[in-house]
Amino acid sequence: MTILIKILQFIMSLSILVVIHEFGHFTMAKLFKTRVEKFFLFFDPWFSLFKFKKGETEYGIGWLPLGGYVKISGMIDESMDKEQMKLPPQPWEFRSKTSWQRLLIMTGGVIFNFISAMLIFIFVLFAWGETYLPTANVKYGIVTDSVGYAIGLRNGDKIITIDNKHVENFHELISDIVLNNRKTIQIERDGAPLNIEIPSEYVPKLLKGKGQIDTRIPFGPYVIESVGKNTPAKIAGVLPKDQLTGIDDVKFTYYDEFQKYLYNHKQHPVVLNLVRNGENQNISVIPDTLGILGIGRSVVLSQIFDLKTVKYGLLKSIPAGIDKGLKTISDYLKQFKLIFSRHTKGYESLGGFITIGSIFPGVWDWQRFWDLTAFLSIILAVMNILPIPALDGGHVLFLLFEVITGKKPSDKFLEYAQIAGMILLLALLLYANGNDVLRMIRK
């Protein structure tokens, strides 16, 4: 059910953004009296799921959920309609419009995506405000893994500043380190201040999900909510609603201590100290090769930490939403440097549909849904404005060339460029989704 909810949210978000993007092209085309022959959500090679015609435009839904398109008369696009281009230009065609009109038609989708992101952020801040965990309120310190240990961090450390600058939101610490090339972390350990140097090899490992910095949480009360099928705990007879109080009569203060104990006793018998229906129970179990029992509980941060919520009235939500949108755009552009950097090797962490879909929560949360939709709207806009043939940015590049030189690229050149761009995009699509599959296999 969790996976289904994630998929439904992803498809719904993608559909909204594709329609907004294509409506941007459609609106600009209509503004300059350019004929739009088709307006489709998703692609429709060979057949469509649904379609109807109103006026000069056919509207429909395709079966291939890789985006969408509007087919504009007199334009070389993904439809590769060469026959139309052999005929003399007509007044209603894209190729008959001035360069600045064509430029606005081609950037209409990107403009609408950017505006939509800002409006969604404004709406979310006005409706729900902004709730986050202040770094100063992480009272039990942090937890990290062996990569974090290697640079000098320890479980229980309290992060004070990054490069001597305060980061208000704890969950923005990692992005601040990665995107702003931070060099040091200032911490408090056992009441004493320490300065941790960030080595150059730390960021590439962070991008691969290693060396993460998370909140340290107490171990108890540990009421088991789920027991996985065919897991050591299930086989041993552990039940939901059992309360785990310790292992081998060892009591734990923090959850990471419990995890470490299990890992150190992987594939060796341990005794779970449980309370079931008010009575003490001891159940012997053998953790698997990773030191996992197969039990789970939910952790609600608001029940452990003091979260901060900032509320916005309508007037204050407008500049706050715009600021959030601009910061999101800036941060996403910074990520591009990481993708193409030989040092960070960000391209190895590039993900496809599985990665994008996984960022949605496993339960339906409208605030989170709209936040993520605004974020994806910015991604869609930035990706489309890249100067790659077959993307909006490719068409813009050729238009700018025409404006600067006064020479329009030939239709034959544009055809070849379109084909080359489509091949490149297909290769990137296969690479990104291939990374997703490899990560699933390696788990």
Protein backbone atom coordinates (compact mmCIF):
# COMPACT_ATOMS: atom_id res chain seq x y z
CA MET A 1 0.00 0.00 0.00
CA THR A 2 2.89 2.36 0.82
CA ILE A 3 4.43 1.88 -2.64
CA LEU A 4 1.04 2.40 -4.31
CA ILE A 5 0.54 5.71 -2.49
CA LYS A 6 4.02 6.86 -3.56
CA ILE A 7 3.30 5.92 -7.19
CA LEU A 8 -0.10 7.67 -7.20
CA GLN A 9 1.40 10.86 -5.75
CA PHE A 10 4.24 10.80 -8.27
CA ILE A 11 1.91 10.30 -11.26
CA MET A 12 -0.50 12.97 -10.02
CA SER A 13 2.32 15.48 -9.43
CA LEU A 14 3.93 14.72 -12.80
CA SER A 15 0.60 15.06 -14.60
CA ILE A 16 -0.11 18.46 -13.03
CA LEU A 17 3.34 19.77 -13.94
CA VAL A 18 3.29 18.45 -17.50
CA VAL A 19 -0.11 20.05 -18.13
CA ILE A 20 1.14 23.37 -16.66
CA HIS A 21 4.30 23.21 -18.78
CA GLU A 22 2.48 22.47 -22.02
CA PHE A 23 -0.21 25.03 -21.20
CA GLY A 24 2.60 27.61 -21.07
CA HIS A 25 3.57 26.80 -24.66
CA PHE A 26 -0.12 26.68 -25.65
CA THR A 27 -0.91 30.06 -24.10
CA MET A 28 2.04 31.83 -25.73
CA ALA A 29 1.24 30.24 -29.10
CA LYS A 30 -2.38 31.39 -28.90
CA LEU A 31 -1.24 34.85 -27.79
CA PHE A 32 0.63 35.24 -31.08
CA LYS A 33 -2.12 33.57 -33.15
CA THR A 34 -0.09 30.41 -33.80
CA ARG A 35 -2.03 27.22 -34.54
CA VAL A 36 -1.72 24.42 -31.98
CA GLU A 37 -2.62 21.08 -33.57
CA LYS A 38 -2.28 18.85 -30.49
CA PHE A 39 -2.20 19.18 -26.70
CA PHE A 40 -1.37 15.87 -25.03
CA LEU A 41 -0.62 14.71 -21.50
CA PHE A 42 1.89 11.85 -21.95
CA PHE A 43 3.03 10.64 -25.34
CA ASP A 44 0.78 8.76 -27.76
CA PRO A 45 2.87 6.70 -30.24
CA TRP A 46 0.52 4.51 -32.33
CA PHE A 47 -2.53 5.19 -30.15
CA SER A 48 -3.93 7.32 -27.33
CA LEU A 49 -6.00 6.47 -24.25
CA PHE A 50 -8.38 9.37 -24.76
CA LYS A 51 -8.76 12.27 -27.16
CA PHE A 52 -11.22 14.83 -28.49
CA LYS A 53 -11.05 17.80 -30.81
CA LYS A 54 -12.17 21.31 -30.03
CA GLY A 55 -11.62 24.00 -32.60
CA GLU A 56 -8.30 23.50 -34.37
CA THR A 57 -6.68 21.59 -31.49
CA GLU A 58 -6.87 17.89 -30.59
CA TYR A 59 -6.64 17.26 -26.83
CA GLY A 60 -5.80 13.87 -25.35
CA ILE A 61 -3.98 11.56 -22.96
CA GLY A 62 -1.26 9.24 -24.25
CA TRP A 63 -0.23 5.89 -22.83
CA LEU A 64 3.52 6.57 -22.42
CA PRO A 65 4.03 8.60 -19.19
CA LEU A 66 7.32 10.27 -20.10
CA GLY A 67 6.03 13.82 -20.30
CA GLY A 68 3.69 15.50 -22.73
CA TYR A 69 3.67 17.81 -25.73
CA VAL A 70 1.90 20.42 -27.78
CA LYS A 71 2.27 20.14 -31.56
CA ILE A 72 2.62 23.64 -32.96
CA SER A 73 2.15 24.17 -36.68
CA GLY A 74 5.30 24.91 -38.65
CA MET A 75 7.76 23.77 -36.00
CA ILE A 76 10.24 20.91 -36.01
CA ASP A 77 9.57 19.07 -32.75
CA GLU A 78 9.30 15.52 -31.40
CA SER A 79 6.56 14.74 -33.93
CA MET A 80 9.18 15.07 -36.72
CA ASP A 81 6.48 16.19 -39.17
CA LYS A 82 8.70 16.76 -42.24
CA GLU A 83 5.86 16.94 -44.77
CA GLN A 84 4.44 20.10 -43.26
CA MET A 85 7.85 21.78 -43.38
CA LYS A 86 8.08 21.15 -47.18
CA LEU A 87 5.07 23.41 -47.78
CA PRO A 88 5.28 27.22 -48.00
CA PRO A 89 5.07 28.96 -44.58
CA GLN A 90 1.57 30.02 -43.52
CA PRO A 91 0.74 33.08 -41.37
CA TRP A 92 -0.51 30.87 -38.49
CA GLU A 93 2.68 28.79 -38.34
CA PHE A 94 5.48 29.01 -35.79
CA ARG A 95 8.13 29.59 -38.49
CA SER A 96 6.26 32.68 -39.73
CA LYS A 97 6.47 34.46 -36.38
CA THR A 98 9.16 36.93 -35.38
CA SER A 99 12.18 35.64 -33.46
CA TRP A 100 11.09 37.23 -30.17
CA GLN A 101 7.58 35.71 -30.52
CA ARG A 102 9.08 32.28 -31.18
CA LEU A 103 11.35 32.78 -28.18
CA LEU A 104 8.38 33.43 -25.89
CA ILE A 105 6.47 30.46 -27.31
CA MET A 106 9.44 28.16 -26.64
CA THR A 107 10.07 29.47 -23.11
CA GLY A 108 6.38 29.55 -22.17
CA GLY A 109 6.51 26.12 -20.52
CA VAL A 110 9.57 26.97 -18.43
CA ILE A 111 8.10 30.35 -17.41
CA PHE A 112 4.83 28.73 -16.34
CA ASN A 113 6.70 26.06 -14.33
CA PHE A 114 8.73 28.68 -12.47
CA ILE A 115 5.63 30.79 -11.75
CA SER A 116 3.69 27.69 -10.64
CA ALA A 117 6.46 26.72 -8.22
CA MET A 118 6.38 30.18 -6.64
CA LEU A 119 2.56 30.13 -6.36
CA ILE A 120 2.58 26.66 -4.80
CA PHE A 121 5.22 27.69 -2.23
CA ILE A 122 3.13 30.77 -1.38
CA PHE A 123 0.00 28.62 -1.01
CA VAL A 124 1.78 26.03 1.18
CA LEU A 125 3.26 28.66 3.50
CA PHE A 126 -0.09 30.43 3.81
CA ALA A 127 -2.06 27.21 4.41
CA TRP A 128 0.32 25.29 6.68
CA GLY A 129 3.24 27.54 7.53
CA GLU A 130 6.70 26.02 7.84
CA THR A 131 7.65 23.43 10.45
CA TYR A 132 11.24 22.35 10.96
CA LEU A 133 13.68 21.02 13.56
CA PRO A 134 16.05 23.77 14.73
CA THR A 135 19.66 22.61 14.94
CA ALA A 136 19.84 23.95 18.50
CA ASN A 137 16.98 21.63 19.53
CA VAL A 138 18.76 18.38 18.59
CA LYS A 139 19.26 17.74 22.28
CA TYR A 140 20.65 14.20 22.08
CA GLY A 141 23.23 15.05 19.44
CA ILE A 142 23.74 13.29 16.14
CA VAL A 143 24.29 9.78 14.80
CA THR A 144 26.50 8.96 11.85
CA ASP A 145 28.13 5.94 10.22
CA SER A 146 31.71 4.74 9.66
CA VAL A 147 32.30 7.44 7.02
CA GLY A 148 31.25 10.13 9.50
CA TYR A 149 33.47 8.50 12.14
CA ALA A 150 36.40 8.59 9.73
CA ILE A 151 36.29 12.39 9.50
CA GLY A 152 36.07 12.72 13.28
CA LEU A 153 32.35 12.84 14.07
CA ARG A 154 30.95 10.72 16.92
CA ASN A 155 27.43 9.69 17.94
CA GLY A 156 26.18 12.20 20.48
CA ASP A 157 28.11 15.17 19.06
CA LYS A 158 26.09 18.38 18.95
CA ILE A 159 26.59 20.46 15.82
CA ILE A 160 26.96 24.16 16.56
CA THR A 161 27.95 25.73 13.23
CA ILE A 162 29.21 24.87 9.73
CA ASP A 163 32.21 26.98 8.71
CA ASN A 164 31.36 29.03 11.82
CA LYS A 165 27.94 29.85 10.34
CA HIS A 166 24.71 28.84 12.04
CA VAL A 167 22.35 26.60 10.06
CA GLU A 168 18.89 27.07 11.54
CA ASN A 169 17.22 23.99 10.04
CA PHE A 170 18.93 20.75 11.10
CA HIS A 171 17.79 18.91 7.98
CA GLU A 172 19.58 21.47 5.78
CA LEU A 173 23.00 20.68 7.26
CA ILE A 174 23.94 18.09 4.64
CA SER A 175 22.78 20.20 1.68
CA ASP A 176 24.68 23.18 3.10
CA ILE A 177 27.90 21.13 3.30
CA VAL A 178 27.46 19.67 -0.18
CA LEU A 179 26.21 22.70 -2.12
CA ASN A 180 28.36 25.39 -0.48
CA ASN A 181 31.65 23.47 -0.33
CA ARG A 182 32.00 23.82 3.43
CA LYS A 183 35.38 23.08 5.02
CA THR A 184 34.73 22.68 8.75
CA ILE A 185 32.10 21.57 11.27
CA GLN A 186 32.06 23.05 14.76
CA ILE A 187 30.70 20.65 17.37
CA GLU A 188 30.28 20.23 21.10
CA ARG A 189 31.41 16.90 22.60
CA ASP A 190 31.07 16.18 26.31
CA GLY A 191 30.66 19.92 26.92
CA ALA A 192 33.85 20.89 25.07
CA PRO A 193 34.02 22.62 21.64
CA LEU A 194 35.81 20.87 18.75
CA ASN A 195 36.56 21.77 15.14
CA ILE A 196 36.18 18.98 12.56
CA GLU A 197 37.89 19.39 9.18
CA ILE A 198 35.82 18.22 6.19
CA PRO A 199 38.11 16.27 3.83
CA SER A 200 37.60 16.58 0.07
CA GLU A 201 36.55 12.92 -0.26
CA TYR A 202 33.65 13.36 2.19
CA VAL A 203 31.24 15.07 -0.27
CA PRO A 204 31.38 12.30 -2.93
CA LYS A 205 30.57 9.79 -0.19
CA LEU A 206 27.69 11.95 1.04
CA LEU A 207 26.23 11.95 -2.47
CA LYS A 208 26.26 8.16 -2.35
CA GLY A 209 24.30 8.18 0.91
CA LYS A 210 27.26 7.54 3.21
CA GLY A 211 28.43 9.68 6.10
CA GLN A 212 24.93 11.05 6.70
CA ILE A 213 24.24 13.12 9.81
CA ASP A 214 20.95 12.32 11.53
CA THR A 215 19.26 12.96 14.87
CA ARG A 216 20.11 10.72 17.79
CA ILE A 217 16.94 9.41 19.39
CA PRO A 218 16.23 7.56 22.66
CA PHE A 219 15.81 3.79 22.57
CA GLY A 220 12.66 3.56 24.62
CA PRO A 221 9.84 3.13 24.88
CA TYR A 222 10.20 0.63 22.03
CA VAL A 223 6.73 -0.72 21.21
CA ILE A 224 6.98 -3.02 18.18
CA GLU A 225 4.51 -1.96 15.47
CA SER A 226 5.45 -4.35 12.66
CA VAL A 227 7.19 -7.69 12.23
CA GLY A 228 8.40 -8.52 8.73
CA LYS A 229 7.51 -11.78 7.00
CA ASN A 230 10.13 -14.54 7.13
CA THR A 231 12.38 -12.40 9.34
CA PRO A 232 14.33 -13.65 12.40
CA ALA A 233 11.84 -11.92 14.73
CA LYS A 234 8.82 -13.47 12.98
CA ILE A 235 10.35 -16.94 13.10
CA ALA A 236 11.20 -16.52 16.78
CA GLY A 237 7.61 -15.57 17.67
CA VAL A 238 7.86 -11.81 18.25
CA LEU A 239 4.46 -10.08 17.91
CA PRO A 240 3.28 -6.54 17.17
CA LYS A 241 2.55 -4.54 20.36
CA ASP A 242 5.35 -6.35 22.22
CA GLN A 243 7.50 -3.83 24.08
CA LEU A 244 11.24 -4.37 23.75
CA THR A 245 13.04 -3.34 26.93
CA GLY A 246 16.53 -4.71 26.25
CA ILE A 247 18.64 -7.52 24.83
CA ASP A 248 20.49 -10.10 26.93
CA ASP A 249 19.39 -7.99 29.94
CA VAL A 250 21.40 -5.08 28.51
CA LYS A 251 19.54 -1.77 28.67
CA PHE A 252 20.02 0.89 26.01
CA THR A 253 19.75 4.64 26.32
CA TYR A 254 19.86 5.45 22.62
CA TYR A 255 18.59 3.64 19.54
CA ASP A 256 22.02 3.60 17.86
CA GLU A 257 23.40 1.64 20.84
CA PHE A 258 20.72 -0.99 20.22
CA GLN A 259 21.65 -1.14 16.53
CA LYS A 260 25.34 -1.48 17.30
CA TYR A 261 24.70 -4.30 19.77
CA LEU A 262 22.71 -6.25 17.17
CA TYR A 263 25.37 -5.70 14.50
CA ASN A 264 28.08 -6.94 16.85
CA HIS A 265 25.99 -10.07 17.51
CA LYS A 266 24.86 -10.76 13.93
CA GLN A 267 24.24 -14.46 13.23
CA HIS A 268 24.64 -15.23 16.96
CA PRO A 269 21.77 -16.02 19.35
CA VAL A 270 20.55 -13.14 21.53
CA VAL A 271 17.65 -12.97 23.99
CA LEU A 272 15.05 -10.27 23.49
CA ASN A 273 13.67 -8.90 26.77
CA LEU A 274 10.00 -8.18 26.03
CA VAL A 275 6.84 -7.15 27.84
CA ARG A 276 3.71 -8.80 26.39
CA ASN A 277 0.30 -8.06 27.87
CA GLY A 278 1.97 -6.80 31.05
CA GLU A 279 4.13 -9.91 31.50
CA ASN A 280 7.89 -10.26 30.96
CA GLN A 281 8.93 -12.54 28.09
CA ASN A 282 12.38 -13.65 26.94
CA ILE A 283 12.64 -14.83 23.33
CA SER A 284 15.80 -16.16 21.73
CA VAL A 285 16.50 -14.95 18.18
CA ILE A 286 19.42 -14.93 15.74
CA PRO A 287 19.95 -11.58 13.92
CA ASP A 288 20.62 -11.89 10.20
CA THR A 289 23.91 -11.18 8.39
CA LEU A 290 23.38 -7.41 8.78
CA GLY A 291 22.33 -7.62 12.43
CA ILE A 292 18.67 -7.03 11.59
CA LEU A 293 15.72 -8.61 13.43
CA GLY A 294 12.91 -7.48 11.11
CA ILE A 295 10.96 -5.40 13.62
CA GLY A 296 9.83 -1.81 13.26
CA ARG A 297 8.35 1.11 15.11
CA SER A 298 7.31 4.60 14.06
CA VAL A 299 9.26 7.59 15.26
CA VAL A 300 7.46 10.93 15.45
CA LEU A 301 9.98 13.75 15.73
CA SER A 302 7.45 16.11 17.31
CA GLN A 303 7.14 13.71 20.25
CA ILE A 304 10.90 13.73 20.82
CA PHE A 305 12.08 17.21 19.85
CA ASP A 306 10.73 20.74 20.06
CA LEU A 307 9.92 21.60 16.44
CA LYS A 308 9.48 25.19 15.33
CA THR A 309 6.49 26.30 13.26
CA VAL A 310 6.41 29.67 11.50
CA LYS A 311 2.95 30.85 10.40
CA TYR A 312 2.42 33.28 7.51
CA GLY A 313 -0.45 35.59 6.74
CA LEU A 314 -1.38 36.15 3.10
CA LEU A 315 0.82 39.22 2.64
CA LYS A 316 3.86 37.67 4.34
CA SER A 317 3.44 34.35 2.53
CA ILE A 318 3.99 36.02 -0.89
CA PRO A 319 7.59 37.26 -0.38
CA ALA A 320 8.39 34.19 1.74
CA GLY A 321 7.15 31.85 -1.00
CA ILE A 322 9.11 33.72 -3.67
CA ASP A 323 12.25 33.62 -1.53
CA LYS A 324 11.81 29.89 -1.00
CA GLY A 325 11.37 29.39 -4.73
CA LEU A 326 14.47 31.40 -5.60
CA LYS A 327 16.53 29.53 -2.99
CA THR A 328 15.31 26.21 -4.40
CA ILE A 329 16.31 27.30 -7.90
CA SER A 330 19.74 28.41 -6.66
CA ASP A 331 20.34 25.16 -4.78
CA TYR A 332 19.27 23.05 -7.74
CA LEU A 333 21.61 24.94 -10.09
CA LYS A 334 24.46 24.31 -7.65
CA GLN A 335 23.71 20.59 -7.88
CA PHE A 336 24.53 20.70 -11.58
CA LYS A 337 28.14 21.54 -10.77
CA LEU A 338 28.27 18.40 -8.65
CA ILE A 339 26.81 16.23 -11.44
CA PHE A 340 29.50 17.27 -13.92
CA SER A 341 32.37 17.42 -11.41
CA ARG A 342 35.07 14.74 -11.74
CA HIS A 343 35.84 15.17 -8.04
CA THR A 344 32.35 14.69 -6.61
CA LYS A 345 31.25 12.22 -9.31
CA GLY A 346 27.67 13.36 -8.80
CA TYR A 347 26.69 11.61 -12.04
CA GLU A 348 27.05 8.30 -10.21
CA SER A 349 24.20 9.33 -7.91
CA LEU A 350 21.91 10.40 -10.74
CA GLY A 351 18.50 8.75 -10.40
CA GLY A 352 15.43 8.16 -12.53
CA PHE A 353 11.75 7.59 -11.89
CA ILE A 354 12.32 5.30 -8.90
CA THR A 355 14.50 7.90 -7.18
CA ILE A 356 12.02 10.71 -7.86
CA GLY A 357 9.03 8.61 -6.82
CA SER A 358 10.72 7.54 -3.60
CA ILE A 359 10.89 11.12 -2.28
CA PHE A 360 7.11 11.11 -1.84
CA PRO A 361 5.89 9.92 1.60
CA GLY A 362 4.25 6.52 2.07
CA VAL A 363 1.13 8.20 3.46
CA TRP A 364 -0.94 10.87 1.74
CA ASP A 365 0.25 14.22 3.08
CA TRP A 366 -1.08 17.19 1.11
CA GLN A 367 1.45 19.66 2.52
CA ARG A 368 4.34 17.38 1.57
CA PHE A 369 2.73 16.62 -1.79
CA TRP A 370 2.49 20.28 -2.80
CA ASP A 371 5.96 21.07 -1.46
CA LEU A 372 7.42 18.28 -3.59
CA THR A 373 5.31 19.30 -6.60
CA ALA A 374 6.75 22.83 -6.39
CA PHE A 375 10.25 21.36 -6.15
CA LEU A 376 9.66 19.10 -9.16
CA SER A 377 8.23 22.06 -11.09
CA ILE A 378 11.57 23.81 -10.67
CA ILE A 379 13.45 20.67 -11.73
CA LEU A 380 11.25 20.38 -14.83
CA ALA A 381 11.85 24.03 -15.70
CA VAL A 382 15.63 23.86 -15.24
CA MET A 383 15.93 20.58 -17.15
CA ASN A 384 13.87 21.91 -20.06
CA ILE A 385 15.91 25.10 -20.41
CA LEU A 386 19.17 23.16 -20.84
CA PRO A 387 20.65 23.88 -24.30
CA ILE A 388 20.02 20.37 -25.61
CA PRO A 389 18.23 19.86 -28.95
CA ALA A 390 14.76 18.36 -28.42
CA LEU A 391 14.40 20.37 -25.20
CA ASP A 392 13.04 23.91 -25.01
CA GLY A 393 16.55 25.15 -24.29
CA GLY A 394 17.80 23.69 -27.57
CA HIS A 395 15.20 25.61 -29.54
CA VAL A 396 16.06 28.75 -27.56
CA LEU A 397 19.76 28.27 -28.36
CA PHE A 398 19.05 28.17 -32.10
CA LEU A 399 16.75 31.19 -31.83
CA LEU A 400 19.46 33.18 -30.02
CA PHE A 401 21.88 32.19 -32.76
CA GLU A 402 19.40 33.55 -35.30
CA VAL A 403 18.93 36.80 -33.37
CA ILE A 404 22.67 37.37 -33.02
CA THR A 405 23.78 36.37 -36.53
CA GLY A 406 20.64 37.22 -38.48
CA LYS A 407 20.82 33.75 -40.05
CA LYS A 408 18.20 31.09 -39.41
CA PRO A 409 19.44 27.47 -39.15
CA SER A 410 18.17 25.34 -42.03
CA ASP A 411 15.22 22.99 -41.54
CA LYS A 412 17.49 20.04 -42.35
CA PHE A 413 19.94 21.07 -39.62
CA LEU A 414 17.08 21.44 -37.13
CA GLU A 415 15.81 17.96 -38.07
CA TYR A 416 19.21 16.38 -37.45
CA ALA A 417 19.65 18.35 -34.21
CA GLN A 418 16.21 17.18 -33.02
CA ILE A 419 17.11 13.54 -33.71
CA ALA A 420 20.50 13.91 -31.98
CA GLY A 421 18.84 15.54 -28.95
CA MET A 422 16.23 12.79 -28.69
CA ILE A 423 18.97 10.12 -28.80
CA LEU A 424 20.93 11.96 -26.09
CA LEU A 425 17.83 12.32 -23.88
CA LEU A 426 17.02 8.63 -24.32
CA ALA A 427 20.58 7.74 -23.31
CA LEU A 428 20.33 9.93 -20.20
CA LEU A 429 16.96 8.40 -19.36
CA LEU A 430 18.37 4.89 -19.63
CA TYR A 431 21.46 5.83 -17.60
CA ALA A 432 19.48 7.46 -14.76
CA ASN A 433 16.95 4.63 -14.51
CA GLY A 434 19.75 2.08 -14.87
CA ASN A 435 21.35 3.62 -11.77
CA ASP A 436 18.05 3.08 -9.94
CA VAL A 437 17.98 -0.60 -10.93
CA LEU A 438 21.61 -1.15 -9.91
CA ARG A 439 20.99 0.45 -6.52
CA MET A 440 18.01 -1.87 -5.97
CA ILE A 441 20.10 -4.91 -6.90
CA ARG A 442 22.92 -3.92 -4.55
CA LYS A 443 20.59 -3.48 -1.56
